[in-house]
PDB file of all heavy atoms in Angstrom:
ATOM      1  N   ASN A   1     120.230 128.408  33.380  1.00  0.00           N
ATOM      2  CA  ASN A   1     120.808 128.468  34.825  1.00  0.00           C
ATOM      3  C   ASN A   1     121.901 129.430  34.841  1.00  0.00           C
ATOM      4  O   ASN A   1     122.381 129.608  36.063  1.00  0.00           O
ATOM      5  CB  ASN A   1     121.165 127.099  35.294  1.00  0.00           C
ATOM      6  CG  ASN A   1     119.992 126.152  35.573  1.00  0.00           C
ATOM      7  OD1 ASN A   1     118.899 126.716  35.893  1.00  0.00           O
ATOM      8  ND2 ASN A   1     120.257 124.893  35.376  1.00  0.00           N
ATOM      9  N   TRP A   2     122.339 130.075  33.890  1.00  0.00           N
ATOM     10  CA  TRP A   2     123.595 130.946  33.920  1.00  0.00           C
ATOM     11  C   TRP A   2     123.366 132.063  35.004  1.00  0.00           C
ATOM     12  O   TRP A   2     124.341 132.364  35.682  1.00  0.00           O
ATOM     13  CB  TRP A   2     123.977 131.396  32.611  1.00  0.00           C
ATOM     14  CG  TRP A   2     124.593 130.339  31.703  1.00  0.00           C
ATOM     15  CD1 TRP A   2     124.926 129.050  32.031  1.00  0.00           C
ATOM     16  CD2 TRP A   2     124.974 130.501  30.404  1.00  0.00           C
ATOM     17  NE1 TRP A   2     125.461 128.438  31.027  1.00  0.00           N
ATOM     18  CE2 TRP A   2     125.412 129.296  29.916  1.00  0.00           C
ATOM     19  CE3 TRP A   2     124.811 131.524  29.442  1.00  0.00           C
ATOM     20  CZ2 TRP A   2     125.899 129.063  28.644  1.00  0.00           C
ATOM     21  CZ3 TRP A   2     125.171 131.275  28.218  1.00  0.00           C
ATOM     22  CH2 TRP A   2     125.778 130.141  27.836  1.00  0.00           C
ATOM     23  N   ASN A   3     122.288 132.738  34.908  1.00  0.00           N
ATOM     24  CA  ASN A   3     122.084 133.906  35.641  1.00  0.00           C
ATOM     25  C   ASN A   3     121.091 133.648  36.867  1.00  0.00           C
ATOM     26  O   ASN A   3     120.782 134.606  37.507  1.00  0.00           O
ATOM     27  CB  ASN A   3     121.500 135.025  34.825  1.00  0.00           C
ATOM     28  CG  ASN A   3     122.469 135.402  33.669  1.00  0.00           C
ATOM     29  OD1 ASN A   3     123.689 135.473  33.977  1.00  0.00           O
ATOM     30  ND2 ASN A   3     121.990 135.726  32.543  1.00  0.00           N
ATOM     31  N   SER A   4     120.863 132.434  37.107  1.00  0.00           N
ATOM     32  CA  SER A   4     119.983 132.125  38.223  1.00  0.00           C
ATOM     33  C   SER A   4     120.754 132.155  39.615  1.00  0.00           C
ATOM     34  O   SER A   4     121.882 131.557  39.646  1.00  0.00           O
ATOM     35  CB  SER A   4     119.267 130.857  38.070  1.00  0.00           C
ATOM     36  OG  SER A   4     118.585 130.500  39.073  1.00  0.00           O
ATOM     37  N   ARG A   5     120.198 132.847  40.567  1.00  0.00           N
ATOM     38  CA  ARG A   5     120.763 132.827  41.888  1.00  0.00           C
ATOM     39  C   ARG A   5     119.996 131.890  42.880  1.00  0.00           C
ATOM     40  O   ARG A   5     120.257 131.929  44.048  1.00  0.00           O
ATOM     41  CB  ARG A   5     120.785 134.221  42.478  1.00  0.00           C
ATOM     42  CG  ARG A   5     121.766 135.128  41.667  1.00  0.00           C
ATOM     43  CD  ARG A   5     121.974 136.426  42.382  1.00  0.00           C
ATOM     44  NE  ARG A   5     123.087 137.232  41.985  1.00  0.00           N
ATOM     45  CZ  ARG A   5     124.358 136.933  42.436  1.00  0.00           C
ATOM     46  NH1 ARG A   5     124.565 135.987  43.229  1.00  0.00           N
ATOM     47  NH2 ARG A   5     125.341 137.720  42.095  1.00  0.00           N
ATOM     48  N   SER A   6     118.991 131.247  42.372  1.00  0.00           N
ATOM     49  CA  SER A   6     118.293 130.361  43.274  1.00  0.00           C
ATOM     50  C   SER A   6     119.022 129.175  43.803  1.00  0.00           C
ATOM     51  O   SER A   6     119.947 128.676  43.285  1.00  0.00           O
ATOM     52  CB  SER A   6     117.048 129.932  42.598  1.00  0.00           C
ATOM     53  OG  SER A   6     117.320 129.221  41.437  1.00  0.00           O
ATOM     54  N   LEU A   7     118.571 128.735  45.028  1.00  0.00           N
ATOM     55  CA  LEU A   7     119.223 127.671  45.727  1.00  0.00           C
ATOM     56  C   LEU A   7     118.333 126.487  45.835  1.00  0.00           C
ATOM     57  O   LEU A   7     117.095 126.604  45.996  1.00  0.00           O
ATOM     58  CB  LEU A   7     119.674 128.107  47.153  1.00  0.00           C
ATOM     59  CG  LEU A   7     120.673 129.188  47.108  1.00  0.00           C
ATOM     60  CD1 LEU A   7     120.878 129.645  48.619  1.00  0.00           C
ATOM     61  CD2 LEU A   7     122.032 128.794  46.460  1.00  0.00           C
ATOM     62  N   VAL A   8     118.886 125.269  45.754  1.00  0.00           N
ATOM     63  CA  VAL A   8     118.069 124.055  46.018  1.00  0.00           C
ATOM     64  C   VAL A   8     118.326 123.615  47.453  1.00  0.00           C
ATOM     65  O   VAL A   8     119.422 123.616  47.963  1.00  0.00           O
ATOM     66  CB  VAL A   8     118.671 122.953  45.007  1.00  0.00           C
ATOM     67  CG1 VAL A   8     117.871 121.567  45.370  1.00  0.00           C
ATOM     68  CG2 VAL A   8     118.323 123.275  43.589  1.00  0.00           C
ATOM     69  N   ALA A   9     117.173 123.476  48.164  1.00  0.00           N
ATOM     70  CA  ALA A   9     117.254 123.087  49.550  1.00  0.00           C
ATOM     71  C   ALA A   9     117.965 124.226  50.422  1.00  0.00           C
ATOM     72  O   ALA A   9     118.438 123.862  51.452  1.00  0.00           O
ATOM     73  CB  ALA A   9     117.923 121.739  49.815  1.00  0.00           C
ATOM     74  N   GLY A  10     118.010 125.374  49.890  1.00  0.00           N
ATOM     75  CA  GLY A  10     118.533 126.445  50.598  1.00  0.00           C
ATOM     76  C   GLY A  10     120.020 126.638  50.643  1.00  0.00           C
ATOM     77  O   GLY A  10     120.547 127.565  51.202  1.00  0.00           O
ATOM     78  N   VAL A  11     120.789 125.646  50.068  1.00  0.00           N
ATOM     79  CA  VAL A  11     122.233 125.674  50.204  1.00  0.00           C
ATOM     80  C   VAL A  11     122.914 125.448  48.872  1.00  0.00           C
ATOM     81  O   VAL A  11     124.061 125.917  48.754  1.00  0.00           O
ATOM     82  CB  VAL A  11     122.667 124.714  51.241  1.00  0.00           C
ATOM     83  CG1 VAL A  11     122.344 125.062  52.662  1.00  0.00           C
ATOM     84  CG2 VAL A  11     122.272 123.152  50.917  1.00  0.00           C
ATOM     85  N   LEU A  12     122.281 124.581  47.928  1.00  0.00           N
ATOM     86  CA  LEU A  12     123.013 124.213  46.752  1.00  0.00           C
ATOM     87  C   LEU A  12     122.616 125.077  45.631  1.00  0.00           C
ATOM     88  O   LEU A  12     121.393 125.164  45.247  1.00  0.00           O
ATOM     89  CB  LEU A  12     122.660 122.736  46.485  1.00  0.00           C
ATOM     90  CG  LEU A  12     123.521 122.046  45.437  1.00  0.00           C
ATOM     91  CD1 LEU A  12     124.911 121.913  45.847  1.00  0.00           C
ATOM     92  CD2 LEU A  12     122.900 120.586  45.298  1.00  0.00           C
ATOM     93  N   PRO A  13     123.515 125.696  44.944  1.00  0.00           N
ATOM     94  CA  PRO A  13     123.185 126.568  43.722  1.00  0.00           C
ATOM     95  C   PRO A  13     122.482 125.626  42.720  1.00  0.00           C
ATOM     96  O   PRO A  13     122.927 124.490  42.446  1.00  0.00           O
ATOM     97  CB  PRO A  13     124.562 127.098  43.263  1.00  0.00           C
ATOM     98  CG  PRO A  13     125.454 126.941  44.395  1.00  0.00           C
ATOM     99  CD  PRO A  13     124.964 125.808  45.273  1.00  0.00           C
ATOM    100  N   ILE A  14     121.580 126.190  41.988  1.00  0.00           N
ATOM    101  CA  ILE A  14     120.811 125.485  41.034  1.00  0.00           C
ATOM    102  C   ILE A  14     121.711 124.847  39.959  1.00  0.00           C
ATOM    103  O   ILE A  14     121.420 123.783  39.438  1.00  0.00           O
ATOM    104  CB  ILE A  14     119.613 126.378  40.438  1.00  0.00           C
ATOM    105  CG1 ILE A  14     118.727 125.496  39.622  1.00  0.00           C
ATOM    106  CG2 ILE A  14     120.169 127.517  39.669  1.00  0.00           C
ATOM    107  CD1 ILE A  14     117.694 124.679  40.430  1.00  0.00           C
ATOM    108  N   GLY A  15     122.748 125.670  39.536  1.00  0.00           N
ATOM    109  CA  GLY A  15     123.522 125.134  38.456  1.00  0.00           C
ATOM    110  C   GLY A  15     124.412 123.873  38.926  1.00  0.00           C
ATOM    111  O   GLY A  15     124.496 122.875  38.178  1.00  0.00           O
ATOM    112  N   LEU A  16     124.777 123.944  40.130  1.00  0.00           N
ATOM    113  CA  LEU A  16     125.469 122.714  40.706  1.00  0.00           C
ATOM    114  C   LEU A  16     124.512 121.445  40.772  1.00  0.00           C
ATOM    115  O   LEU A  16     124.879 120.354  40.497  1.00  0.00           O
ATOM    116  CB  LEU A  16     126.084 123.060  42.015  1.00  0.00           C
ATOM    117  CG  LEU A  16     127.048 121.939  42.594  1.00  0.00           C
ATOM    118  CD1 LEU A  16     128.119 121.537  41.632  1.00  0.00           C
ATOM    119  CD2 LEU A  16     127.527 122.471  44.003  1.00  0.00           C
ATOM    120  N   ALA A  17     123.324 121.771  41.277  1.00  0.00           N
ATOM    121  CA  ALA A  17     122.412 120.694  41.423  1.00  0.00           C
ATOM    122  C   ALA A  17     121.971 120.202  40.034  1.00  0.00           C
ATOM    123  O   ALA A  17     121.866 118.935  39.899  1.00  0.00           O
ATOM    124  CB  ALA A  17     121.124 121.278  42.081  1.00  0.00           C
ATOM    125  N   TYR A  18     121.820 120.980  39.078  1.00  0.00           N
ATOM    126  CA  TYR A  18     121.500 120.624  37.719  1.00  0.00           C
ATOM    127  C   TYR A  18     122.648 119.726  37.205  1.00  0.00           C
ATOM    128  O   TYR A  18     122.306 118.577  36.601  1.00  0.00           O
ATOM    129  CB  TYR A  18     121.266 121.807  36.805  1.00  0.00           C
ATOM    130  CG  TYR A  18     120.982 121.380  35.349  1.00  0.00           C
ATOM    131  CD1 TYR A  18     119.604 121.182  34.983  1.00  0.00           C
ATOM    132  CD2 TYR A  18     121.924 121.317  34.401  1.00  0.00           C
ATOM    133  CE1 TYR A  18     119.365 120.730  33.684  1.00  0.00           C
ATOM    134  CE2 TYR A  18     121.604 120.942  33.047  1.00  0.00           C
ATOM    135  CZ  TYR A  18     120.344 120.691  32.764  1.00  0.00           C
ATOM    136  OH  TYR A  18     120.173 120.308  31.544  1.00  0.00           O
ATOM    137  N   HIS A  19     123.868 120.005  37.378  1.00  0.00           N
ATOM    138  CA  HIS A  19     124.931 119.236  36.894  1.00  0.00           C
ATOM    139  C   HIS A  19     125.076 117.938  37.569  1.00  0.00           C
ATOM    140  O   HIS A  19     125.579 116.897  36.945  1.00  0.00           O
ATOM    141  CB  HIS A  19     126.235 120.043  36.735  1.00  0.00           C
ATOM    142  CG  HIS A  19     126.289 120.907  35.578  1.00  0.00           C
ATOM    143  ND1 HIS A  19     126.645 120.331  34.340  1.00  0.00           N
ATOM    144  CD2 HIS A  19     126.028 122.201  35.363  1.00  0.00           C
ATOM    145  CE1 HIS A  19     126.538 121.438  33.458  1.00  0.00           C
ATOM    146  NE2 HIS A  19     126.235 122.446  34.073  1.00  0.00           N
ATOM    147  N   ALA A  20     124.733 117.932  38.864  1.00  0.00           N
ATOM    148  CA  ALA A  20     124.720 116.593  39.555  1.00  0.00           C
ATOM    149  C   ALA A  20     123.771 115.656  38.994  1.00  0.00           C
ATOM    150  O   ALA A  20     123.919 114.515  38.659  1.00  0.00           O
ATOM    151  CB  ALA A  20     124.411 116.850  41.127  1.00  0.00           C
ATOM    152  N   LEU A  21     122.554 116.199  38.696  1.00  0.00           N
ATOM    153  CA  LEU A  21     121.484 115.430  38.062  1.00  0.00           C
ATOM    154  C   LEU A  21     121.976 114.973  36.628  1.00  0.00           C
ATOM    155  O   LEU A  21     121.661 113.931  36.098  1.00  0.00           O
ATOM    156  CB  LEU A  21     120.209 116.129  38.024  1.00  0.00           C
ATOM    157  CG  LEU A  21     119.508 116.252  39.403  1.00  0.00           C
ATOM    158  CD1 LEU A  21     118.232 117.143  39.250  1.00  0.00           C
ATOM    159  CD2 LEU A  21     119.183 114.887  39.870  1.00  0.00           C
ATOM    160  N   TYR A  22     122.539 115.939  35.979  1.00  0.00           N
ATOM    161  CA  TYR A  22     123.031 115.720  34.621  1.00  0.00           C
ATOM    162  C   TYR A  22     124.041 114.598  34.574  1.00  0.00           C
ATOM    163  O   TYR A  22     124.103 113.711  33.615  1.00  0.00           O
ATOM    164  CB  TYR A  22     123.697 117.015  33.958  1.00  0.00           C
ATOM    165  CG  TYR A  22     124.212 116.654  32.654  1.00  0.00           C
ATOM    166  CD1 TYR A  22     123.446 116.619  31.466  1.00  0.00           C
ATOM    167  CD2 TYR A  22     125.672 116.519  32.478  1.00  0.00           C
ATOM    168  CE1 TYR A  22     124.017 116.346  30.256  1.00  0.00           C
ATOM    169  CE2 TYR A  22     126.197 116.222  31.334  1.00  0.00           C
ATOM    170  CZ  TYR A  22     125.437 116.165  30.162  1.00  0.00           C
ATOM    171  OH  TYR A  22     125.976 115.819  28.947  1.00  0.00           O
ATOM    172  N   ALA A  23     124.996 114.546  35.519  1.00  0.00           N
ATOM    173  CA  ALA A  23     126.019 113.495  35.652  1.00  0.00           C
ATOM    174  C   ALA A  23     125.323 112.072  35.874  1.00  0.00           C
ATOM    175  O   ALA A  23     125.747 111.151  35.220  1.00  0.00           O
ATOM    176  CB  ALA A  23     126.901 113.755  36.754  1.00  0.00           C
ATOM    177  N   CYS A  24     124.222 112.071  36.562  1.00  0.00           N
ATOM    178  CA  CYS A  24     123.467 110.871  36.725  1.00  0.00           C
ATOM    179  C   CYS A  24     122.816 110.455  35.447  1.00  0.00           C
ATOM    180  O   CYS A  24     122.753 109.238  35.063  1.00  0.00           O
ATOM    181  CB  CYS A  24     122.415 110.974  37.763  1.00  0.00           C
ATOM    182  SG  CYS A  24     123.142 111.206  39.490  1.00  0.00           S
ATOM    183  N   LEU A  25     122.238 111.385  34.712  1.00  0.00           N
ATOM    184  CA  LEU A  25     121.671 111.137  33.371  1.00  0.00           C
ATOM    185  C   LEU A  25     122.708 110.620  32.440  1.00  0.00           C
ATOM    186  O   LEU A  25     122.500 109.612  31.655  1.00  0.00           O
ATOM    187  CB  LEU A  25     121.036 112.345  32.796  1.00  0.00           C
ATOM    188  CG  LEU A  25     120.521 112.324  31.473  1.00  0.00           C
ATOM    189  CD1 LEU A  25     119.382 111.394  31.301  1.00  0.00           C
ATOM    190  CD2 LEU A  25     120.094 113.701  30.836  1.00  0.00           C
ATOM    191  N   ALA A  26     123.909 111.314  32.407  1.00  0.00           N
ATOM    192  CA  ALA A  26     124.975 110.860  31.462  1.00  0.00           C
ATOM    193  C   ALA A  26     125.436 109.459  31.871  1.00  0.00           C
ATOM    194  O   ALA A  26     125.683 108.596  30.931  1.00  0.00           O
ATOM    195  CB  ALA A  26     126.227 111.776  31.531  1.00  0.00           C
ATOM    196  N   SER A  27     125.546 109.016  33.166  1.00  0.00           N
ATOM    197  CA  SER A  27     125.858 107.767  33.585  1.00  0.00           C
ATOM    198  C   SER A  27     124.808 106.757  33.059  1.00  0.00           C
ATOM    199  O   SER A  27     125.172 105.688  32.594  1.00  0.00           O
ATOM    200  CB  SER A  27     126.057 107.692  35.117  1.00  0.00           C
ATOM    201  OG  SER A  27     126.320 106.451  35.585  1.00  0.00           O
ATOM    202  N   ALA A  28     123.574 107.031  33.250  1.00  0.00           N
ATOM    203  CA  ALA A  28     122.483 106.187  32.759  1.00  0.00           C
ATOM    204  C   ALA A  28     122.650 105.977  31.202  1.00  0.00           C
ATOM    205  O   ALA A  28     122.439 104.833  30.750  1.00  0.00           O
ATOM    206  CB  ALA A  28     121.156 106.753  33.234  1.00  0.00           C
TER     207      ALA A  28
END
């Protein structure tokens, strides 16, 4: 995801969305 400029839902950078999901995974 380092060089990706894609957005999730048109507003959230993919790296930030990935780390939000990663935080949920780490919590689980």
